[in-house]
mmCIF file of all heavy atoms, coordinates in Angstrom:
data_MODEL
# 
_entry.id   MODEL 
# 
loop_
_atom_site.group_PDB 
_atom_site.id 
_atom_site.type_symbol 
_atom_site.label_atom_id 
_atom_site.label_alt_id 
_atom_site.label_comp_id 
_atom_site.label_asym_id 
_atom_site.label_entity_id 
_atom_site.label_seq_id 
_atom_site.pdbx_PDB_ins_code 
_atom_site.Cartn_x 
_atom_site.Cartn_y 
_atom_site.Cartn_z 
_atom_site.occupancy 
_atom_site.B_iso_or_equiv 
_atom_site.pdbx_formal_charge 
_atom_site.auth_seq_id 
_atom_site.auth_comp_id 
_atom_site.auth_asym_id 
_atom_site.auth_atom_id 
_atom_site.pdbx_PDB_model_num 
ATOM 1   N N   . ALA A 1 1  ? -46.460 11.058 79.785 1.00 0.00 ? 1  ALA A N   1 
ATOM 2   C CA  . ALA A 1 1  ? -45.456 12.106 79.708 1.00 0.00 ? 1  ALA A CA  1 
ATOM 3   C C   . ALA A 1 1  ? -44.585 11.923 80.897 1.00 0.00 ? 1  ALA A C   1 
ATOM 4   O O   . ALA A 1 1  ? -45.002 11.147 81.833 1.00 0.00 ? 1  ALA A O   1 
ATOM 5   C CB  . ALA A 1 1  ? -46.180 13.432 79.843 1.00 0.00 ? 1  ALA A CB  1 
ATOM 6   N N   . PRO A 1 2  ? -43.477 12.450 80.996 1.00 0.00 ? 2  PRO A N   1 
ATOM 7   C CA  . PRO A 1 2  ? -42.542 12.350 82.126 1.00 0.00 ? 2  PRO A CA  1 
ATOM 8   C C   . PRO A 1 2  ? -43.339 12.735 83.336 1.00 0.00 ? 2  PRO A C   1 
ATOM 9   O O   . PRO A 1 2  ? -44.189 13.634 83.358 1.00 0.00 ? 2  PRO A O   1 
ATOM 10  C CB  . PRO A 1 2  ? -41.493 13.315 81.844 1.00 0.00 ? 2  PRO A CB  1 
ATOM 11  C CG  . PRO A 1 2  ? -41.430 13.356 80.326 1.00 0.00 ? 2  PRO A CG  1 
ATOM 12  C CD  . PRO A 1 2  ? -42.828 13.276 79.906 1.00 0.00 ? 2  PRO A CD  1 
ATOM 13  N N   . GLN A 1 3  ? -43.081 12.144 84.544 1.00 0.00 ? 3  GLN A N   1 
ATOM 14  C CA  . GLN A 1 3  ? -43.764 12.314 85.716 1.00 0.00 ? 3  GLN A CA  1 
ATOM 15  C C   . GLN A 1 3  ? -43.684 13.810 86.157 1.00 0.00 ? 3  GLN A C   1 
ATOM 16  O O   . GLN A 1 3  ? -44.650 14.262 86.636 1.00 0.00 ? 3  GLN A O   1 
ATOM 17  C CB  . GLN A 1 3  ? -43.049 11.571 86.876 1.00 0.00 ? 3  GLN A CB  1 
ATOM 18  C CG  . GLN A 1 3  ? -43.821 11.625 88.184 1.00 0.00 ? 3  GLN A CG  1 
ATOM 19  C CD  . GLN A 1 3  ? -43.237 10.718 89.254 1.00 0.00 ? 3  GLN A CD  1 
ATOM 20  O OE1 . GLN A 1 3  ? -42.330 9.915  89.034 1.00 0.00 ? 3  GLN A OE1 1 
ATOM 21  N NE2 . GLN A 1 3  ? -43.880 10.762 90.440 1.00 0.00 ? 3  GLN A NE2 1 
ATOM 22  N N   . GLY A 1 4  ? -42.519 14.538 86.018 1.00 0.00 ? 4  GLY A N   1 
ATOM 23  C CA  . GLY A 1 4  ? -42.468 15.812 86.391 1.00 0.00 ? 4  GLY A CA  1 
ATOM 24  C C   . GLY A 1 4  ? -43.388 16.802 85.529 1.00 0.00 ? 4  GLY A C   1 
ATOM 25  O O   . GLY A 1 4  ? -43.949 17.715 86.068 1.00 0.00 ? 4  GLY A O   1 
ATOM 26  N N   . VAL A 1 5  ? -43.524 16.445 84.259 1.00 0.00 ? 5  VAL A N   1 
ATOM 27  C CA  . VAL A 1 5  ? -44.497 17.281 83.348 1.00 0.00 ? 5  VAL A CA  1 
ATOM 28  C C   . VAL A 1 5  ? -45.839 16.980 83.776 1.00 0.00 ? 5  VAL A C   1 
ATOM 29  O O   . VAL A 1 5  ? -46.674 17.945 83.794 1.00 0.00 ? 5  VAL A O   1 
ATOM 30  C CB  . VAL A 1 5  ? -44.202 16.719 81.931 1.00 0.00 ? 5  VAL A CB  1 
ATOM 31  C CG1 . VAL A 1 5  ? -45.221 17.530 80.868 1.00 0.00 ? 5  VAL A CG1 1 
ATOM 32  C CG2 . VAL A 1 5  ? -42.799 17.046 81.358 1.00 0.00 ? 5  VAL A CG2 1 
ATOM 33  N N   . ARG A 1 6  ? -46.267 15.677 84.117 1.00 0.00 ? 6  ARG A N   1 
ATOM 34  C CA  . ARG A 1 6  ? -47.603 15.468 84.509 1.00 0.00 ? 6  ARG A CA  1 
ATOM 35  C C   . ARG A 1 6  ? -47.866 16.184 85.802 1.00 0.00 ? 6  ARG A C   1 
ATOM 36  O O   . ARG A 1 6  ? -49.008 16.742 85.923 1.00 0.00 ? 6  ARG A O   1 
ATOM 37  C CB  . ARG A 1 6  ? -47.790 13.970 84.755 1.00 0.00 ? 6  ARG A CB  1 
ATOM 38  C CG  . ARG A 1 6  ? -47.828 13.151 83.415 1.00 0.00 ? 6  ARG A CG  1 
ATOM 39  C CD  . ARG A 1 6  ? -48.439 11.732 83.597 1.00 0.00 ? 6  ARG A CD  1 
ATOM 40  N NE  . ARG A 1 6  ? -47.816 11.069 84.608 1.00 0.00 ? 6  ARG A NE  1 
ATOM 41  C CZ  . ARG A 1 6  ? -46.775 10.266 84.397 1.00 0.00 ? 6  ARG A CZ  1 
ATOM 42  N NH1 . ARG A 1 6  ? -46.267 10.116 83.165 1.00 0.00 ? 6  ARG A NH1 1 
ATOM 43  N NH2 . ARG A 1 6  ? -46.161 9.451  85.390 1.00 0.00 ? 6  ARG A NH2 1 
ATOM 44  N N   . ALA A 1 7  ? -47.006 16.235 86.826 1.00 0.00 ? 7  ALA A N   1 
ATOM 45  C CA  . ALA A 1 7  ? -47.143 16.847 88.050 1.00 0.00 ? 7  ALA A CA  1 
ATOM 46  C C   . ALA A 1 7  ? -47.339 18.389 87.805 1.00 0.00 ? 7  ALA A C   1 
ATOM 47  O O   . ALA A 1 7  ? -48.265 19.008 88.379 1.00 0.00 ? 7  ALA A O   1 
ATOM 48  C CB  . ALA A 1 7  ? -46.005 16.670 88.945 1.00 0.00 ? 7  ALA A CB  1 
ATOM 49  N N   . GLN A 1 8  ? -46.699 18.941 86.899 1.00 0.00 ? 8  GLN A N   1 
ATOM 50  C CA  . GLN A 1 8  ? -46.694 20.436 86.577 1.00 0.00 ? 8  GLN A CA  1 
ATOM 51  C C   . GLN A 1 8  ? -47.971 20.685 85.989 1.00 0.00 ? 8  GLN A C   1 
ATOM 52  O O   . GLN A 1 8  ? -48.640 21.722 86.293 1.00 0.00 ? 8  GLN A O   1 
ATOM 53  C CB  . GLN A 1 8  ? -45.581 20.878 85.610 1.00 0.00 ? 8  GLN A CB  1 
ATOM 54  C CG  . GLN A 1 8  ? -45.528 22.317 85.365 1.00 0.00 ? 8  GLN A CG  1 
ATOM 55  C CD  . GLN A 1 8  ? -44.429 22.724 84.441 1.00 0.00 ? 8  GLN A CD  1 
ATOM 56  O OE1 . GLN A 1 8  ? -43.817 21.957 83.812 1.00 0.00 ? 8  GLN A OE1 1 
ATOM 57  N NE2 . GLN A 1 8  ? -44.202 24.050 84.407 1.00 0.00 ? 8  GLN A NE2 1 
ATOM 58  N N   . LYS A 1 9  ? -48.364 19.871 85.014 1.00 0.00 ? 9  LYS A N   1 
ATOM 59  C CA  . LYS A 1 9  ? -49.749 20.027 84.343 1.00 0.00 ? 9  LYS A CA  1 
ATOM 60  C C   . LYS A 1 9  ? -50.873 19.959 85.286 1.00 0.00 ? 9  LYS A C   1 
ATOM 61  O O   . LYS A 1 9  ? -51.750 20.661 85.226 1.00 0.00 ? 9  LYS A O   1 
ATOM 62  C CB  . LYS A 1 9  ? -49.978 19.106 83.196 1.00 0.00 ? 9  LYS A CB  1 
ATOM 63  C CG  . LYS A 1 9  ? -51.172 19.264 82.430 1.00 0.00 ? 9  LYS A CG  1 
ATOM 64  C CD  . LYS A 1 9  ? -51.335 18.362 81.319 1.00 0.00 ? 9  LYS A CD  1 
ATOM 65  C CE  . LYS A 1 9  ? -52.732 18.532 80.543 1.00 0.00 ? 9  LYS A CE  1 
ATOM 66  N NZ  . LYS A 1 9  ? -52.906 17.542 79.391 1.00 0.00 ? 9  LYS A NZ  1 
ATOM 67  N N   . ARG A 1 10 ? -50.812 19.062 86.243 1.00 0.00 ? 10 ARG A N   1 
ATOM 68  C CA  . ARG A 1 10 ? -51.904 18.819 87.231 1.00 0.00 ? 10 ARG A CA  1 
ATOM 69  C C   . ARG A 1 10 ? -51.887 20.069 88.137 1.00 0.00 ? 10 ARG A C   1 
ATOM 70  O O   . ARG A 1 10 ? -52.970 20.601 88.398 1.00 0.00 ? 10 ARG A O   1 
ATOM 71  C CB  . ARG A 1 10 ? -51.510 17.526 88.134 1.00 0.00 ? 10 ARG A CB  1 
ATOM 72  C CG  . ARG A 1 10 ? -52.517 17.345 89.303 1.00 0.00 ? 10 ARG A CG  1 
ATOM 73  C CD  . ARG A 1 10 ? -52.050 16.155 90.106 1.00 0.00 ? 10 ARG A CD  1 
ATOM 74  N NE  . ARG A 1 10 ? -53.010 15.976 91.232 1.00 0.00 ? 10 ARG A NE  1 
ATOM 75  C CZ  . ARG A 1 10 ? -54.220 15.517 91.216 1.00 0.00 ? 10 ARG A CZ  1 
ATOM 76  N NH1 . ARG A 1 10 ? -54.627 14.920 90.145 1.00 0.00 ? 10 ARG A NH1 1 
ATOM 77  N NH2 . ARG A 1 10 ? -54.865 15.400 92.396 1.00 0.00 ? 10 ARG A NH2 1 
ATOM 78  N N   . ALA A 1 11 ? -50.753 20.570 88.540 1.00 0.00 ? 11 ALA A N   1 
ATOM 79  C CA  . ALA A 1 11 ? -50.708 21.748 89.378 1.00 0.00 ? 11 ALA A CA  1 
ATOM 80  C C   . ALA A 1 11 ? -51.366 22.927 88.743 1.00 0.00 ? 11 ALA A C   1 
ATOM 81  O O   . ALA A 1 11 ? -52.016 23.853 89.336 1.00 0.00 ? 11 ALA A O   1 
ATOM 82  C CB  . ALA A 1 11 ? -49.255 22.074 89.929 1.00 0.00 ? 11 ALA A CB  1 
ATOM 83  N N   . GLN A 1 12 ? -51.017 23.154 87.477 1.00 0.00 ? 12 GLN A N   1 
ATOM 84  C CA  . GLN A 1 12 ? -51.488 24.291 86.637 1.00 0.00 ? 12 GLN A CA  1 
ATOM 85  C C   . GLN A 1 12 ? -53.126 24.119 86.501 1.00 0.00 ? 12 GLN A C   1 
ATOM 86  O O   . GLN A 1 12 ? -53.758 25.124 86.613 1.00 0.00 ? 12 GLN A O   1 
ATOM 87  C CB  . GLN A 1 12 ? -50.841 24.273 85.322 1.00 0.00 ? 12 GLN A CB  1 
ATOM 88  C CG  . GLN A 1 12 ? -49.333 24.731 85.332 1.00 0.00 ? 12 GLN A CG  1 
ATOM 89  C CD  . GLN A 1 12 ? -48.612 24.611 84.073 1.00 0.00 ? 12 GLN A CD  1 
ATOM 90  O OE1 . GLN A 1 12 ? -49.216 23.817 83.167 1.00 0.00 ? 12 GLN A OE1 1 
ATOM 91  N NE2 . GLN A 1 12 ? -47.477 25.138 83.855 1.00 0.00 ? 12 GLN A NE2 1 
ATOM 92  N N   . THR A 1 13 ? -53.634 22.973 86.202 1.00 0.00 ? 13 THR A N   1 
ATOM 93  C CA  . THR A 1 13 ? -54.970 22.729 86.178 1.00 0.00 ? 13 THR A CA  1 
ATOM 94  C C   . THR A 1 13 ? -55.727 23.062 87.414 1.00 0.00 ? 13 THR A C   1 
ATOM 95  O O   . THR A 1 13 ? -56.697 23.750 87.379 1.00 0.00 ? 13 THR A O   1 
ATOM 96  C CB  . THR A 1 13 ? -55.373 21.340 85.706 1.00 0.00 ? 13 THR A CB  1 
ATOM 97  O OG1 . THR A 1 13 ? -54.638 21.052 84.477 1.00 0.00 ? 13 THR A OG1 1 
ATOM 98  C CG2 . THR A 1 13 ? -56.769 21.032 85.486 1.00 0.00 ? 13 THR A CG2 1 
ATOM 99  N N   . ILE A 1 14 ? -55.166 22.578 88.480 1.00 0.00 ? 14 ILE A N   1 
ATOM 100 C CA  . ILE A 1 14 ? -55.684 22.720 89.882 1.00 0.00 ? 14 ILE A CA  1 
ATOM 101 C C   . ILE A 1 14 ? -55.781 24.307 90.189 1.00 0.00 ? 14 ILE A C   1 
ATOM 102 O O   . ILE A 1 14 ? -56.808 24.833 90.536 1.00 0.00 ? 14 ILE A O   1 
ATOM 103 C CB  . ILE A 1 14 ? -54.960 21.975 90.879 1.00 0.00 ? 14 ILE A CB  1 
ATOM 104 C CG1 . ILE A 1 14 ? -55.298 20.536 90.817 1.00 0.00 ? 14 ILE A CG1 1 
ATOM 105 C CG2 . ILE A 1 14 ? -55.453 22.559 92.399 1.00 0.00 ? 14 ILE A CG2 1 
ATOM 106 C CD1 . ILE A 1 14 ? -54.409 19.711 91.784 1.00 0.00 ? 14 ILE A CD1 1 
ATOM 107 N N   . GLU A 1 15 ? -54.699 24.874 89.684 1.00 0.00 ? 15 GLU A N   1 
ATOM 108 C CA  . GLU A 1 15 ? -54.677 26.514 90.099 1.00 0.00 ? 15 GLU A CA  1 
ATOM 109 C C   . GLU A 1 15 ? -55.679 27.199 89.161 1.00 0.00 ? 15 GLU A C   1 
ATOM 110 O O   . GLU A 1 15 ? -56.368 28.121 89.831 1.00 0.00 ? 15 GLU A O   1 
ATOM 111 C CB  . GLU A 1 15 ? -53.271 26.911 89.679 1.00 0.00 ? 15 GLU A CB  1 
ATOM 112 C CG  . GLU A 1 15 ? -53.100 28.418 89.876 1.00 0.00 ? 15 GLU A CG  1 
ATOM 113 C CD  . GLU A 1 15 ? -53.313 28.891 91.335 1.00 0.00 ? 15 GLU A CD  1 
ATOM 114 O OE1 . GLU A 1 15 ? -53.120 28.053 92.318 1.00 0.00 ? 15 GLU A OE1 1 
ATOM 115 O OE2 . GLU A 1 15 ? -53.708 30.010 91.568 1.00 0.00 ? 15 GLU A OE2 1 
ATOM 116 N N   . ARG A 1 16 ? -55.944 26.715 87.897 1.00 0.00 ? 16 ARG A N   1 
ATOM 117 C CA  . ARG A 1 16 ? -56.887 27.413 87.117 1.00 0.00 ? 16 ARG A CA  1 
ATOM 118 C C   . ARG A 1 16 ? -58.399 27.086 87.701 1.00 0.00 ? 16 ARG A C   1 
ATOM 119 O O   . ARG A 1 16 ? -59.203 27.953 87.727 1.00 0.00 ? 16 ARG A O   1 
ATOM 120 C CB  . ARG A 1 16 ? -56.902 26.895 85.669 1.00 0.00 ? 16 ARG A CB  1 
ATOM 121 C CG  . ARG A 1 16 ? -55.586 27.455 84.929 1.00 0.00 ? 16 ARG A CG  1 
ATOM 122 C CD  . ARG A 1 16 ? -55.828 27.150 83.429 1.00 0.00 ? 16 ARG A CD  1 
ATOM 123 N NE  . ARG A 1 16 ? -55.808 25.931 83.072 1.00 0.00 ? 16 ARG A NE  1 
ATOM 124 C CZ  . ARG A 1 16 ? -54.719 25.234 82.727 1.00 0.00 ? 16 ARG A CZ  1 
ATOM 125 N NH1 . ARG A 1 16 ? -53.467 25.808 82.806 1.00 0.00 ? 16 ARG A NH1 1 
ATOM 126 N NH2 . ARG A 1 16 ? -54.813 23.893 82.264 1.00 0.00 ? 16 ARG A NH2 1 
ATOM 127 N N   . ILE A 1 17 ? -58.544 25.931 88.120 1.00 0.00 ? 17 ILE A N   1 
ATOM 128 C CA  . ILE A 1 17 ? -59.875 25.527 88.734 1.00 0.00 ? 17 ILE A CA  1 
ATOM 129 C C   . ILE A 1 17 ? -60.113 26.481 89.958 1.00 0.00 ? 17 ILE A C   1 
ATOM 130 O O   . ILE A 1 17 ? -61.170 27.003 90.182 1.00 0.00 ? 17 ILE A O   1 
ATOM 131 C CB  . ILE A 1 17 ? -59.888 24.024 89.117 1.00 0.00 ? 17 ILE A CB  1 
ATOM 132 C CG1 . ILE A 1 17 ? -59.893 23.221 87.777 1.00 0.00 ? 17 ILE A CG1 1 
ATOM 133 C CG2 . ILE A 1 17 ? -61.094 23.773 89.960 1.00 0.00 ? 17 ILE A CG2 1 
ATOM 134 C CD1 . ILE A 1 17 ? -59.900 21.721 88.003 1.00 0.00 ? 17 ILE A CD1 1 
ATOM 135 N N   . VAL A 1 18 ? -59.137 26.449 90.895 1.00 0.00 ? 18 VAL A N   1 
ATOM 136 C CA  . VAL A 1 18 ? -59.223 27.289 92.064 1.00 0.00 ? 18 VAL A CA  1 
ATOM 137 C C   . VAL A 1 18 ? -59.512 28.799 91.809 1.00 0.00 ? 18 VAL A C   1 
ATOM 138 O O   . VAL A 1 18 ? -60.296 29.333 92.473 1.00 0.00 ? 18 VAL A O   1 
ATOM 139 C CB  . VAL A 1 18 ? -57.941 27.003 92.913 1.00 0.00 ? 18 VAL A CB  1 
ATOM 140 C CG1 . VAL A 1 18 ? -58.005 27.957 94.091 1.00 0.00 ? 18 VAL A CG1 1 
ATOM 141 C CG2 . VAL A 1 18 ? -57.870 25.623 93.475 1.00 0.00 ? 18 VAL A CG2 1 
ATOM 142 N N   . GLU A 1 19 ? -58.786 29.276 90.850 1.00 0.00 ? 19 GLU A N   1 
ATOM 143 C CA  . GLU A 1 19 ? -58.837 30.728 90.472 1.00 0.00 ? 19 GLU A CA  1 
ATOM 144 C C   . GLU A 1 19 ? -60.302 30.970 89.984 1.00 0.00 ? 19 GLU A C   1 
ATOM 145 O O   . GLU A 1 19 ? -60.960 31.999 90.441 1.00 0.00 ? 19 GLU A O   1 
ATOM 146 C CB  . GLU A 1 19 ? -57.853 30.995 89.385 1.00 0.00 ? 19 GLU A CB  1 
ATOM 147 C CG  . GLU A 1 19 ? -56.511 31.277 89.731 1.00 0.00 ? 19 GLU A CG  1 
ATOM 148 C CD  . GLU A 1 19 ? -56.391 32.647 90.504 1.00 0.00 ? 19 GLU A CD  1 
ATOM 149 O OE1 . GLU A 1 19 ? -57.128 33.445 90.428 1.00 0.00 ? 19 GLU A OE1 1 
ATOM 150 O OE2 . GLU A 1 19 ? -55.282 32.820 91.054 1.00 0.00 ? 19 GLU A OE2 1 
ATOM 151 N N   . GLU A 1 20 ? -60.785 30.068 89.093 1.00 0.00 ? 20 GLU A N   1 
ATOM 152 C CA  . GLU A 1 20 ? -62.081 30.344 88.583 1.00 0.00 ? 20 GLU A CA  1 
ATOM 153 C C   . GLU A 1 20 ? -63.165 30.052 89.650 1.00 0.00 ? 20 GLU A C   1 
ATOM 154 O O   . GLU A 1 20 ? -64.252 30.667 89.691 1.00 0.00 ? 20 GLU A O   1 
ATOM 155 C CB  . GLU A 1 20 ? -62.472 29.452 87.386 1.00 0.00 ? 20 GLU A CB  1 
ATOM 156 C CG  . GLU A 1 20 ? -63.598 29.736 86.556 1.00 0.00 ? 20 GLU A CG  1 
ATOM 157 C CD  . GLU A 1 20 ? -63.329 31.130 85.911 1.00 0.00 ? 20 GLU A CD  1 
ATOM 158 O OE1 . GLU A 1 20 ? -62.281 31.599 85.627 1.00 0.00 ? 20 GLU A OE1 1 
ATOM 159 O OE2 . GLU A 1 20 ? -64.482 31.777 85.612 1.00 0.00 ? 20 GLU A OE2 1 
ATOM 160 N N   . ALA A 1 21 ? -62.968 29.193 90.504 1.00 0.00 ? 21 ALA A N   1 
ATOM 161 C CA  . ALA A 1 21 ? -63.881 28.791 91.641 1.00 0.00 ? 21 ALA A CA  1 
ATOM 162 C C   . ALA A 1 21 ? -63.915 29.999 92.578 1.00 0.00 ? 21 ALA A C   1 
ATOM 163 O O   . ALA A 1 21 ? -65.011 30.377 93.214 1.00 0.00 ? 21 ALA A O   1 
ATOM 164 C CB  . ALA A 1 21 ? -63.406 27.707 92.401 1.00 0.00 ? 21 ALA A CB  1 
ATOM 165 N N   . ASN A 1 22 ? -62.810 30.698 92.812 1.00 0.00 ? 22 ASN A N   1 
ATOM 166 C CA  . ASN A 1 22 ? -62.795 31.818 93.693 1.00 0.00 ? 22 ASN A CA  1 
ATOM 167 C C   . ASN A 1 22 ? -63.608 32.958 93.029 1.00 0.00 ? 22 ASN A C   1 
ATOM 168 O O   . ASN A 1 22 ? -64.399 33.597 93.752 1.00 0.00 ? 22 ASN A O   1 
ATOM 169 C CB  . ASN A 1 22 ? -61.338 32.416 93.862 1.00 0.00 ? 22 ASN A CB  1 
ATOM 170 C CG  . ASN A 1 22 ? -61.171 33.420 94.946 1.00 0.00 ? 22 ASN A CG  1 
ATOM 171 O OD1 . ASN A 1 22 ? -61.543 33.257 96.006 1.00 0.00 ? 22 ASN A OD1 1 
ATOM 172 N ND2 . ASN A 1 22 ? -60.748 34.595 94.486 1.00 0.00 ? 22 ASN A ND2 1 
ATOM 173 N N   . ALA A 1 23 ? -63.487 33.216 91.836 1.00 0.00 ? 23 ALA A N   1 
ATOM 174 C CA  . ALA A 1 23 ? -64.311 34.124 91.059 1.00 0.00 ? 23 ALA A CA  1 
ATOM 175 C C   . ALA A 1 23 ? -65.792 33.846 91.156 1.00 0.00 ? 23 ALA A C   1 
ATOM 176 O O   . ALA A 1 23 ? -66.616 34.661 91.403 1.00 0.00 ? 23 ALA A O   1 
ATOM 177 C CB  . ALA A 1 23 ? -63.894 34.308 89.679 1.00 0.00 ? 23 ALA A CB  1 
ATOM 178 N N   . LEU A 1 24 ? -66.194 32.598 91.029 1.00 0.00 ? 24 LEU A N   1 
ATOM 179 C CA  . LEU A 1 24 ? -67.514 32.199 91.045 1.00 0.00 ? 24 LEU A CA  1 
ATOM 180 C C   . LEU A 1 24 ? -68.120 32.367 92.437 1.00 0.00 ? 24 LEU A C   1 
ATOM 181 O O   . LEU A 1 24 ? -69.213 32.775 92.577 1.00 0.00 ? 24 LEU A O   1 
ATOM 182 C CB  . LEU A 1 24 ? -67.689 30.706 90.572 1.00 0.00 ? 24 LEU A CB  1 
ATOM 183 C CG  . LEU A 1 24 ? -69.102 30.143 90.793 1.00 0.00 ? 24 LEU A CG  1 
ATOM 184 C CD1 . LEU A 1 24 ? -70.048 30.870 89.887 1.00 0.00 ? 24 LEU A CD1 1 
ATOM 185 C CD2 . LEU A 1 24 ? -68.930 28.608 90.398 1.00 0.00 ? 24 LEU A CD2 1 
# 
């Protein structure tokens, strides 16, 4: 995928992981 799309997807995945980690 275009570099910008990959970077956006990576950032979104990291944010979801951090959110769930904070809850845990």
